[in-house]
Amino acid sequence: KETAEKDVAAIEEQLKKARAELEKAVSNAKSEVDKLKGQAKDDLSSAMSKADAATDKAHEILKAVKAGEADDRDLQEALNSVNQAFEHLKSYLKKS
């Protein structure tokens, strides 16, 4: 049980860090999206929407963990989602 609690705490910390990085990337993307036109703008906007959804989900999972309503599997899924959204958004920022 103690090991499981440490695992949850480690994943929770990773999720917090990943969420902060994603929020920073979204902030950077917001400044870039106005410079774009057409499909590039649409693609970046879509990536930003997905990133916002991932950060919202991460926030909800973190709240659920603190309330004892989520487990390490939920945390890991949220972490994967945030990481995917971050990489997706980062790839669009590199293109623009």
Protein backbone atom coordinates (compact mmCIF):
# COMPACT_ATOMS: atom_id res chain seq x y z
CA LYS A 1 0.00 0.00 0.00
CA GLU A 2 2.83 2.41 0.84
CA THR A 3 4.48 1.73 -2.52
CA ALA A 4 1.19 2.34 -4.31
CA GLU A 5 0.81 5.67 -2.52
CA LYS A 6 4.34 6.64 -3.57
CA ASP A 7 3.56 5.66 -7.16
CA VAL A 8 0.41 7.80 -7.13
CA ALA A 9 2.33 10.71 -5.62
CA ALA A 10 5.05 10.41 -8.29
CA ILE A 11 2.53 10.30 -11.14
CA GLU A 12 0.59 13.17 -9.57
CA GLU A 13 3.77 15.28 -9.51
CA GLN A 14 4.53 14.40 -13.14
CA LEU A 15 0.99 15.36 -14.10
CA LYS A 16 1.26 18.72 -12.35
CA LYS A 17 4.53 19.45 -14.13
CA ALA A 18 3.23 18.34 -17.52
CA ARG A 19 0.07 20.39 -17.06
CA ALA A 20 2.13 23.51 -16.28
CA GLU A 21 4.27 22.95 -19.40
CA LEU A 22 1.17 22.50 -21.53
CA GLU A 23 -0.43 25.66 -20.15
CA LYS A 24 2.74 27.57 -21.04
CA ALA A 25 2.69 26.12 -24.56
CA VAL A 26 -0.97 27.13 -24.97
CA SER A 27 -0.07 30.64 -23.88
CA ASN A 28 2.71 30.76 -26.48
CA ALA A 29 0.37 29.37 -29.13
CA LYS A 30 -2.22 32.07 -28.41
CA SER A 31 0.33 34.71 -29.36
CA GLU A 32 1.20 32.82 -32.56
CA VAL A 33 -2.30 31.94 -33.78
CA ASP A 34 -3.14 35.53 -34.75
CA LYS A 35 -0.13 35.62 -37.06
CA LEU A 36 -1.39 32.63 -39.05
CA LYS A 37 -3.99 32.32 -41.77
CA GLY A 38 -6.04 29.60 -43.38
CA GLN A 39 -5.39 25.95 -42.62
CA ALA A 40 -2.38 26.65 -40.42
CA LYS A 41 -4.50 28.86 -38.18
CA ASP A 42 -7.28 26.27 -38.07
CA ASP A 43 -4.83 23.47 -37.23
CA LEU A 44 -3.20 25.44 -34.44
CA SER A 45 -6.58 26.46 -33.06
CA SER A 46 -7.64 22.82 -33.04
CA ALA A 47 -4.44 21.78 -31.27
CA MET A 48 -5.01 24.54 -28.70
CA SER A 49 -8.55 23.32 -28.07
CA LYS A 50 -7.32 19.78 -27.49
CA ALA A 51 -4.61 21.10 -25.17
CA ASP A 52 -7.17 23.09 -23.18
CA ALA A 53 -9.33 19.99 -22.85
CA ALA A 54 -6.34 17.95 -21.65
CA THR A 55 -5.41 20.55 -19.02
CA ASP A 56 -9.01 20.66 -17.83
CA LYS A 57 -9.08 16.87 -17.56
CA ALA A 58 -5.78 16.89 -15.67
CA HIS A 59 -7.18 19.44 -13.24
CA GLU A 60 -10.28 17.32 -12.63
CA ILE A 61 -8.22 14.16 -12.11
CA LEU A 62 -5.94 15.93 -9.65
CA LYS A 63 -8.98 17.09 -7.70
CA ALA A 64 -10.41 13.56 -7.76
CA VAL A 65 -7.15 12.08 -6.47
CA LYS A 66 -7.12 14.49 -3.55
CA ALA A 67 -10.71 13.48 -2.80
CA GLY A 68 -9.78 9.80 -3.03
CA GLU A 69 -11.98 9.26 -6.07
CA ALA A 70 -9.27 8.44 -8.63
CA ASP A 71 -6.41 6.00 -8.77
CA ASP A 72 -3.02 5.73 -10.42
CA ARG A 73 -4.56 4.43 -13.66
CA ASP A 74 -6.66 7.60 -13.94
CA LEU A 75 -3.58 9.70 -13.24
CA GLN A 76 -1.55 7.83 -15.85
CA GLU A 77 -4.27 8.29 -18.48
CA ALA A 78 -4.45 12.01 -17.74
CA LEU A 79 -0.66 12.27 -17.88
CA ASN A 80 -0.59 10.51 -21.25
CA SER A 81 -3.32 12.81 -22.54
CA VAL A 82 -1.48 15.94 -21.41
CA ASN A 83 1.80 14.71 -22.88
CA GLN A 84 0.16 13.91 -26.22
CA ALA A 85 -1.53 17.31 -26.35
CA PHE A 86 1.77 18.99 -25.49
CA GLU A 87 3.66 17.17 -28.25
CA HIS A 88 0.86 17.86 -30.73
CA LEU A 89 0.81 21.56 -29.91
CA LYS A 90 4.61 21.76 -29.94
CA SER A 91 4.68 20.28 -33.44
CA TYR A 92 2.31 22.98 -34.70
CA LEU A 93 4.34 25.71 -33.04
CA LYS A 94 7.47 24.44 -34.80
CA LYS A 95 5.67 24.54 -38.17
CA SER A 96 4.53 28.13 -37.75
